[in-house]
C-alpha atoms as a PDB file:
ATOM      1  CA  MET A   1      -2.007  46.042 -13.391  1.00  0.00           C
ATOM      2  CA  LYS A   2      -4.982  46.233 -15.685  1.00  0.00           C
ATOM      3  CA  LEU A   3      -7.456  45.291 -16.049  1.00  0.00           C
ATOM      4  CA  ASN A   4     -10.878  45.656 -18.281  1.00  0.00           C
ATOM      5  CA  GLU A   5     -13.622  46.000 -15.741  1.00  0.00           C
ATOM      6  CA  ARG A   6     -16.452  44.545 -17.946  1.00  0.00           C
ATOM      7  CA  SER A   7     -15.141  41.675 -18.318  1.00  0.00           C
ATOM      8  CA  VAL A   8     -13.958  41.603 -14.829  1.00  0.00           C
ATOM      9  CA  ALA A   9     -17.461  42.181 -13.936  1.00  0.00           C
ATOM     10  CA  HIS A  10     -18.659  39.537 -16.559  1.00  0.00           C
ATOM     11  CA  TYR A  11     -16.551  36.440 -14.992  1.00  0.00           C
ATOM     12  CA  ALA A  12     -17.615  37.802 -11.191  1.00  0.00           C
ATOM     13  CA  THR A  13     -21.567  37.345 -12.256  1.00  0.00           C
ATOM     14  CA  CYS A  14     -21.219  34.256 -14.270  1.00  0.00           C
ATOM     15  CA  ASP A  15     -22.173  30.476 -13.787  1.00  0.00           C
ATOM     16  CA  SER A  16     -18.710  29.278 -13.388  1.00  0.00           C
ATOM     17  CA  PRO A  17     -18.281  27.573  -9.839  1.00  0.00           C
ATOM     18  CA  ALA A  18     -16.839  29.980  -6.548  1.00  0.00           C
ATOM     19  CA  ASP A  19     -13.830  28.385  -4.798  1.00  0.00           C
ATOM     20  CA  HIS A  20     -15.549  29.449  -1.540  1.00  0.00           C
ATOM     21  CA  ALA A  21     -17.980  31.617  -0.309  1.00  0.00           C
ATOM     22  CA  GLY A  22     -19.988  33.753   2.375  1.00  0.00           C
ATOM     23  CA  PHE A  23     -20.227  37.009   4.562  1.00  0.00           C
ATOM     24  CA  LEU A  24     -17.229  38.720   5.691  1.00  0.00           C
ATOM     25  CA  ARG A  25     -17.291  41.933   7.684  1.00  0.00           C
ATOM     26  CA  LYS A  26     -14.757  44.816   6.044  1.00  0.00           C
ATOM     27  CA  ARG A  27     -12.871  47.169   7.943  1.00  0.00           C
ATOM     28  CA  VAL A  28     -12.776  50.750   6.851  1.00  0.00           C
ATOM     29  CA  GLU A  29     -10.822  53.390   7.920  1.00  0.00           C
ATOM     30  CA  ARG A  30     -12.614  56.789   8.262  1.00  0.00           C
ATOM     31  CA  HIS A  31     -10.499  60.041   7.951  1.00  0.00           C
ATOM     32  CA  HIS A  32     -11.470  63.539   9.688  1.00  0.00           C
ATOM     33  CA  HIS A  33      -9.823  66.571   9.194  1.00  0.00           C
ATOM     34  CA  HIS A  34      -6.806  66.849  11.588  1.00  0.00           C
ATOM     35  CA  THR A  35      -5.534  63.418  10.751  1.00  0.00           C
ATOM     36  CA  HIS A  36      -8.485  61.270  13.239  1.00  0.00           C
ATOM     37  CA  HIS A  37      -9.790  59.169  11.913  1.00  0.00           C
ATOM     38  CA  THR A  38     -12.880  55.869  13.022  1.00  0.00           C
ATOM     39  CA  THR A  39     -12.809  52.641  12.233  1.00  0.00           C
ATOM     40  CA  SER A  40     -16.597  50.328  11.012  1.00  0.00           C
ATOM     41  CA  TYR A  41     -16.475  47.251   9.906  1.00  0.00           C
ATOM     42  CA  GLN A  42     -19.316  46.629   6.759  1.00  0.00           C
ATOM     43  CA  ARG A  43     -20.935  43.173   6.380  1.00  0.00           C
ATOM     44  CA  ARG A  44     -20.297  42.318   2.025  1.00  0.00           C
ATOM     45  CA  TRP A  45     -20.835  39.435   0.379  1.00  0.00           C
ATOM     46  CA  PHE A  46     -17.492  37.192  -0.937  1.00  0.00           C
ATOM     47  CA  VAL A  47     -17.057  35.184  -3.741  1.00  0.00           C
ATOM     48  CA  LEU A  48     -13.148  34.013  -4.274  1.00  0.00           C
ATOM     49  CA  LYS A  49     -13.172  32.904  -8.184  1.00  0.00           C
ATOM     50  CA  GLY A  50      -9.435  31.235  -9.106  1.00  0.00           C
ATOM     51  CA  ASN A  51      -6.856  34.646  -7.044  1.00  0.00           C
ATOM     52  CA  LEU A  52      -9.518  37.373  -7.101  1.00  0.00           C
ATOM     53  CA  LEU A  53     -11.257  37.843  -4.451  1.00  0.00           C
ATOM     54  CA  PHE A  54     -15.089  40.252  -4.810  1.00  0.00           C
ATOM     55  CA  TYR A  55     -17.209  41.524  -2.616  1.00  0.00           C
ATOM     56  CA  PHE A  56     -20.836  42.438  -3.288  1.00  0.00           C
ATOM     57  CA  GLU A  57     -23.130  45.127  -1.716  1.00  0.00           C
ATOM     58  CA  GLU A  58     -25.548  42.110  -0.620  1.00  0.00           C
ATOM     59  CA  ARG A  59     -25.791  38.350  -1.873  1.00  0.00           C
ATOM     60  CA  GLU A  60     -27.985  39.211  -5.134  1.00  0.00           C
ATOM     61  CA  SER A  61     -26.203  42.192  -6.475  1.00  0.00           C
ATOM     62  CA  ARG A  62     -24.824  41.888 -10.096  1.00  0.00           C
ATOM     63  CA  GLU A  63     -22.357  44.208  -9.765  1.00  0.00           C
ATOM     64  CA  PRO A  64     -19.011  43.858  -7.492  1.00  0.00           C
ATOM     65  CA  MET A  65     -18.153  46.960  -5.365  1.00  0.00           C
ATOM     66  CA  GLY A  66     -13.878  45.842  -5.441  1.00  0.00           C
ATOM     67  CA  LEU A  67     -11.593  43.241  -6.280  1.00  0.00           C
ATOM     68  CA  VAL A  68      -8.338  42.374  -4.463  1.00  0.00           C
ATOM     69  CA  VAL A  69      -6.225  40.284  -6.689  1.00  0.00           C
ATOM     70  CA  LEU A  70      -4.162  37.691  -3.987  1.00  0.00           C
ATOM     71  CA  GLU A  71      -0.816  37.720  -5.897  1.00  0.00           C
ATOM     72  CA  GLY A  72       2.273  38.941  -4.027  1.00  0.00           C
ATOM     73  CA  CYS A  73      -0.330  38.589  -0.688  1.00  0.00           C
ATOM     74  CA  THR A  74       0.165  36.757   2.769  1.00  0.00           C
ATOM     75  CA  VAL A  75      -2.419  35.845   4.146  1.00  0.00           C
ATOM     76  CA  GLU A  76      -2.566  35.745   8.692  1.00  0.00           C
ATOM     77  CA  LEU A  77      -4.065  35.846  11.517  1.00  0.00           C
ATOM     78  CA  CYS A  78      -4.227  39.256  13.587  1.00  0.00           C
ATOM     79  CA  GLU A  79      -5.599  41.145  16.330  1.00  0.00           C
ATOM     80  CA  ALA A  80      -8.365  43.400  16.443  1.00  0.00           C
ATOM     81  CA  ALA A  81     -11.112  44.514  19.362  1.00  0.00           C
ATOM     82  CA  GLU A  82     -12.890  42.315  16.661  1.00  0.00           C
ATOM     83  CA  GLU A  83     -12.798  37.619  17.081  1.00  0.00           C
ATOM     84  CA  PHE A  84     -12.389  36.003  14.603  1.00  0.00           C
ATOM     85  CA  ALA A  85      -9.558  38.558  12.560  1.00  0.00           C
ATOM     86  CA  PHE A  86      -7.401  38.293  10.040  1.00  0.00           C
ATOM     87  CA  ALA A  87      -5.871  39.918   6.995  1.00  0.00           C
ATOM     88  CA  ILE A  88      -4.405  40.403   3.542  1.00  0.00           C
ATOM     89  CA  ARG A  89      -1.444  41.835   3.811  1.00  0.00           C
ATOM     90  CA  PHE A  90       0.956  42.630   0.290  1.00  0.00           C
ATOM     91  CA  ASP A  91       4.993  42.537  -0.176  1.00  0.00           C
ATOM     92  CA  ASP A  92       4.818  46.244  -1.221  1.00  0.00           C
ATOM     93  CA  ALA A  93       5.356  48.896   1.854  1.00  0.00           C
ATOM     94  CA  GLY A  94       2.650  50.838   0.448  1.00  0.00           C
ATOM     95  CA  ALA A  95       0.445  48.331  -0.264  1.00  0.00           C
ATOM     96  CA  LYS A  96      -2.764  48.589   1.112  1.00  0.00           C
ATOM     97  CA  ALA A  97      -4.207  45.837   3.481  1.00  0.00           C
ATOM     98  CA  TYR A  98      -7.456  44.585   3.946  1.00  0.00           C
ATOM     99  CA  VAL A  99      -9.015  42.931   7.656  1.00  0.00           C
ATOM    100  CA  LEU A 100     -11.782  40.926   6.971  1.00  0.00           C
ATOM    101  CA  VAL A 101     -13.728  39.419  10.437  1.00  0.00           C
ATOM    102  CA  ALA A 102     -15.946  35.862   9.934  1.00  0.00           C
ATOM    103  CA  ASP A 103     -18.351  35.147  11.854  1.00  0.00           C
ATOM    104  CA  GLY A 104     -17.182  31.978  13.665  1.00  0.00           C
ATOM    105  CA  GLN A 105     -13.707  30.288  14.160  1.00  0.00           C
ATOM    106  CA  ALA A 106     -14.860  27.297  11.655  1.00  0.00           C
ATOM    107  CA  ALA A 107     -15.662  30.270   8.904  1.00  0.00           C
ATOM    108  CA  MET A 108     -12.453  32.578   9.795  1.00  0.00           C
ATOM    109  CA  GLU A 109     -10.178  28.619   8.888  1.00  0.00           C
ATOM    110  CA  ALA A 110     -11.628  27.838   6.367  1.00  0.00           C
ATOM    111  CA  TRP A 111     -11.837  31.154   4.674  1.00  0.00           C
ATOM    112  CA  VAL A 112      -7.932  31.775   5.792  1.00  0.00           C
ATOM    113  CA  LYS A 113      -7.047  28.301   4.320  1.00  0.00           C
ATOM    114  CA  ALA A 114      -8.917  29.248   0.996  1.00  0.00           C
ATOM    115  CA  LEU A 115      -7.526  32.466   0.034  1.00  0.00           C
ATOM    116  CA  SER A 116      -3.499  30.595   1.098  1.00  0.00           C
ATOM    117  CA  ARG A 117      -4.033  28.861  -1.884  1.00  0.00           C
ATOM    118  CA  ALA A 118      -5.596  31.444  -3.961  1.00  0.00           C
ATOM    119  CA  SER A 119      -2.283  32.865  -5.896  1.00  0.00           C
ATOM    120  CA  PHE A 120      -0.734  31.303  -8.458  1.00  0.00           C
ATOM    121  CA  ASP A 121       2.439  31.279  -6.779  1.00  0.00           C
ATOM    122  CA  TYR A 122       1.145  28.464  -5.123  1.00  0.00           C
ATOM    123  CA  MET A 123      -0.572  26.461  -7.730  1.00  0.00           C
ATOM    124  CA  ARG A 124       3.088  26.717  -9.266  1.00  0.00           C
ATOM    125  CA  LEU A 125       4.523  24.579  -6.066  1.00  0.00           C
ATOM    126  CA  VAL A 126       1.716  22.920  -5.825  1.00  0.00           C
ATOM    127  CA  VAL A 127       2.144  21.423 -10.026  1.00  0.00           C
ATOM    128  CA  ARG A 128       5.845  20.928  -9.437  1.00  0.00           C
ATOM    129  CA  GLU A 129       5.834  18.903  -7.119  1.00  0.00           C
ATOM    130  CA  LEU A 130       3.165  16.540  -8.809  1.00  0.00           C
ATOM    131  CA  GLU A 131       5.320  16.730 -11.750  1.00  0.00           C
ATOM    132  CA  LYS A 132       8.037  15.854  -9.317  1.00  0.00           C
ATOM    133  CA  GLN A 133       5.501  12.642  -8.340  1.00  0.00           C
ATOM    134  CA  LEU A 134       4.300  11.822 -11.388  1.00  0.00           C
ATOM    135  CA  GLU A 135       8.876  12.046 -12.165  1.00  0.00           C
ATOM    136  CA  GLU A 136       9.646   9.394  -9.871  1.00  0.00           C
ATOM    137  CA  ALA A 137       6.861   6.528 -10.676  1.00  0.00           C
ATOM    138  CA  CYS A 138       7.521   6.947 -14.143  1.00  0.00           C
ATOM    139  CA  LYS A 139      11.168   5.637 -13.137  1.00  0.00           C
ATOM    140  CA  SER A 140      10.039   3.046 -11.010  1.00  0.00           C
ATOM    141  CA  LEU A 141       7.888   0.961 -13.340  1.00  0.00           C
ATOM    142  CA  ALA A 142      10.304   1.846 -15.751  1.00  0.00           C
ATOM    143  CA  ALA A 143      13.009  -0.048 -13.456  1.00  0.00           C
ATOM    144  CA  CYS A 144      10.114  -2.914 -12.773  1.00  0.00           C
ATOM    145  CA  ARG A 145      10.185  -3.215 -16.190  1.00  0.00           C
ATOM    146  CA  LYS A 146      13.502  -3.852 -17.395  1.00  0.00           C
ATOM    147  CA  SER A 147      14.328  -6.506 -14.427  1.00  0.00           C
ATOM    148  CA  PRO A 148      14.243 -10.366 -14.978  1.00  0.00           C
ATOM    149  CA  ARG A 149      11.670 -11.710 -14.259  1.00  0.00           C
ATOM    150  CA  ARG A 150      12.602 -14.958 -12.212  1.00  0.00           C
ATOM    151  CA  SER A 151      10.730 -18.283 -13.268  1.00  0.00           C
ATOM    152  CA  SER A 152      12.596 -20.179 -10.616  1.00  0.00           C
ATOM    153  CA  SER A 153      10.035 -19.343  -7.884  1.00  0.00           C
ATOM    154  CA  GLY A 154       7.563 -21.534  -9.078  1.00  0.00           C
ATOM    155  CA  ARG A 155      10.134 -24.620 -10.002  1.00  0.00           C
ATOM    156  CA  LYS A 156      10.922 -23.800  -6.029  1.00  0.00           C
ATOM    157  CA  ARG A 157       7.722 -24.351  -4.242  1.00  0.00           C
ATOM    158  CA  HIS A 158       6.455 -26.920  -6.830  1.00  0.00           C
ATOM    159  CA  LEU A 159      10.011 -29.124  -5.265  1.00  0.00           C
ATOM    160  CA  SER A 160       8.757 -27.764  -2.115  1.00  0.00           C
ATOM    161  CA  ASN A 161       5.726 -30.463  -1.909  1.00  0.00           C
ATOM    162  CA  PRO A 162       7.259 -33.728  -0.723  1.00  0.00           C
ATOM    163  CA  ALA A 163       4.826 -35.944  -2.826  1.00  0.00           C
ATOM    164  CA  LEU A 164       6.256 -34.755  -6.224  1.00  0.00           C
ATOM    165  CA  LEU A 165       9.530 -34.989  -4.892  1.00  0.00           C
ATOM    166  CA  PRO A 166      11.248 -37.359  -8.260  1.00  0.00           C
ATOM    167  CA  VAL A 167      11.903 -41.233  -7.041  1.00  0.00           C
ATOM    168  CA  GLN A 168      14.914 -42.486  -6.831  1.00  0.00           C
ATOM    169  CA  GLU A 169      15.354 -45.938  -8.227  1.00  0.00           C
ATOM    170  CA  LYS A 170      16.743 -47.680  -5.824  1.00  0.00           C
ATOM    171  CA  PRO A 171      18.173 -51.268  -6.662  1.00  0.00           C
ATOM    172  CA  ALA A 172      16.126 -53.994  -4.833  1.00  0.00           C
ATOM    173  CA  VAL A 173      17.869 -56.257  -2.756  1.00  0.00           C
ATOM    174  CA  LEU A 174      17.703 -60.085  -3.047  1.00  0.00           C
ATOM    175  CA  GLU A 175      18.452 -62.563  -0.353  1.00  0.00           C
ATOM    176  CA  ASN A 176      18.629 -65.452  -1.403  1.00  0.00           C
ATOM    177  CA  GLY A 177      16.884 -65.188  -4.940  1.00  0.00           C
ATOM    178  CA  TYR A 178      13.752 -63.291  -3.581  1.00  0.00           C
ATOM    179  CA  CYS A 179      13.164 -59.336  -3.030  1.00  0.00           C
ATOM    180  CA  THR A 180      13.334 -58.208   1.002  1.00  0.00           C
ATOM    181  CA  TRP A 181      10.989 -56.210   1.489  1.00  0.00           C
ATOM    182  CA  GLY A 182      10.931 -52.308   3.653  1.00  0.00           C
ATOM    183  CA  SER A 183       8.830 -51.092   5.877  1.00  0.00           C
ATOM    184  CA  SER A 184       6.714 -49.453   2.990  1.00  0.00           C
ATOM    185  CA  GLY A 185       6.007 -52.321   1.242  1.00  0.00           C
ATOM    186  CA  VAL A 186       7.454 -53.052  -2.824  1.00  0.00           C
ATOM    187  CA  PRO A 187      10.251 -51.313  -3.479  1.00  0.00           C
ATOM    188  CA  GLY A 188       9.847 -47.829  -4.278  1.00  0.00           C
ATOM    189  CA  VAL A 189       5.890 -48.028  -3.364  1.00  0.00           C
ATOM    190  CA  THR A 190       4.738 -46.202  -0.725  1.00  0.00           C
ATOM    191  CA  SER A 191       2.045 -47.965   1.909  1.00  0.00           C
ATOM    192  CA  SER A 192      -0.952 -46.914   1.905  1.00  0.00           C
ATOM    193  CA  PRO A 193      -3.066 -46.770   5.087  1.00  0.00           C
ATOM    194  CA  ASP A 194      -5.828 -49.322   5.842  1.00  0.00           C
ATOM    195  CA  ARG A 195      -9.432 -49.425   7.447  1.00  0.00           C
ATOM    196  CA  ASP A 196      -8.358 -49.688  10.881  1.00  0.00           C
ATOM    197  CA  GLY A 197      -6.297 -46.447  10.279  1.00  0.00           C
ATOM    198  CA  GLY A 198      -2.833 -48.218   9.866  1.00  0.00           C
ATOM    199  CA  TYR A 199      -0.546 -49.412   7.529  1.00  0.00           C
ATOM    200  CA  SER A 200      -0.579 -52.297   5.677  1.00  0.00           C
ATOM    201  CA  LYS A 201       1.654 -55.441   6.667  1.00  0.00           C
ATOM    202  CA  PRO A 202       4.438 -56.126   3.574  1.00  0.00           C
ATOM    203  CA  PRO A 203       3.525 -60.563   2.844  1.00  0.00           C
ATOM    204  CA  PRO A 204       6.078 -62.966   5.196  1.00  0.00           C
ATOM    205  CA  LEU A 205       9.040 -64.047   3.754  1.00  0.00           C
ATOM    206  CA  PRO A 206       9.341 -66.994   1.810  1.00  0.00           C
ATOM    207  CA  PRO A 207      11.524 -70.684   3.331  1.00  0.00           C
ATOM    208  CA  ARG A 208      14.865 -70.033   2.649  1.00  0.00           C
ATOM    209  CA  ARG A 209      16.809 -72.320   1.234  1.00  0.00           C
ATOM    210  CA  ARG A 210      19.431 -74.315   3.026  1.00  0.00           C
ATOM    211  CA  SER A 211      23.111 -75.097   1.282  1.00  0.00           C
ATOM    212  CA  ALA A 212      25.537 -77.678   1.887  1.00  0.00           C
ATOM    213  CA  ALA A 213      28.268 -74.624   3.117  1.00  0.00           C
ATOM    214  CA  GLY A 214      25.445 -73.185   5.248  1.00  0.00           C
ATOM    215  CA  SER A 215      24.425 -76.146   6.569  1.00  0.00           C
ATOM    216  CA  ALA A 216      28.378 -76.803   6.945  1.00  0.00           C
ATOM    217  CA  ALA A 217      29.073 -73.180   8.717  1.00  0.00           C
ATOM    218  CA  GLY A 218      25.774 -73.580  10.501  1.00  0.00           C
ATOM    219  CA  SER A 219      23.469 -76.245  12.125  1.00  0.00           C
ATOM    220  CA  PRO A 220      23.356 -79.821  10.107  1.00  0.00           C
ATOM    221  CA  ALA A 221      21.066 -80.343   7.696  1.00  0.00           C
ATOM    222  CA  PRO A 222      17.980 -82.954   8.326  1.00  0.00           C
ATOM    223  CA  GLY A 223      19.603 -86.073   6.119  1.00  0.00           C
ATOM    224  CA  LEU A 224      23.020 -85.877   7.818  1.00  0.00           C
ATOM    225  CA  SER A 225      21.644 -85.687  11.412  1.00  0.00           C
ATOM    226  CA  LEU A 226      20.186 -88.627  11.432  1.00  0.00           C
ATOM    227  CA  ALA A 227      23.563 -90.562   9.327  1.00  0.00           C
ATOM    228  CA  LEU A 228      25.362 -89.194  12.461  1.00  0.00           C
ATOM    229  CA  GLN A 229      22.734 -90.527  15.265  1.00  0.00           C
ATOM    230  CA  GLU A 230      22.817 -93.968  13.334  1.00  0.00           C
ATOM    231  CA  ARG A 231      26.962 -94.090  14.032  1.00  0.00           C
ATOM    232  CA  GLN A 232      26.906 -93.031  17.991  1.00  0.00           C
ATOM    233  CA  GLN A 233      24.435 -95.878  18.227  1.00  0.00           C
ATOM    234  CA  ARG A 234      26.690 -99.191  16.138  1.00  0.00           C
ATOM    235  CA  GLY A 235      29.595 -97.280  18.340  1.00  0.00           C
ATOM    236  CA  ASN A 236      27.322 -97.725  21.652  1.00  0.00           C
ATOM    237  CA  LEU A 237      26.806-101.323  20.527  1.00  0.00           C
END
């Protein structure tokens, strides 16, 4: 991949916010004659913007010393002489691996997390997952709008209140031409509590009319009983 050095350098030092920044020690391998090499670490200021990892000689430097494009790579912990070390390795067999050392455990975990999320492959996966969630949410919303709204719930709540139940009119029972009183007072009317906390008593029943047929079947009428007594007295005489 070819990059415009001037544009890249401007992007590295412009005022655009960085995704992560901090000091790391970068491993440097020096090769000498007869295949002898030594390993040392240089302290550099690293700035992560998007999928580009810049490193500077100092924090105040205006030009980056190098650039790592974080595509087709993996970030993993590695075994090294230095503690809190991690490596950026690429899929290509001949690609260079970058071994970096953080100042502590928290800094190392923060860098590994930020670098693992920096590639466009990871961003593509995140975008696909968000699109899938949005599609499912739209489908569920459309299904809720198409389903008919039930209006019977309000009616059920209304009828569940005993005070709101319709009163069933029953024909009044007549006895001897008078209406009988129920335990709740007048038919169709509920009794109300009195001052003492009890319920008001219904008025007394009116006296029943005694008919001739009723007296013959039951006790004799007052007029007839007097006539019978007179007859008995005359018979005794």
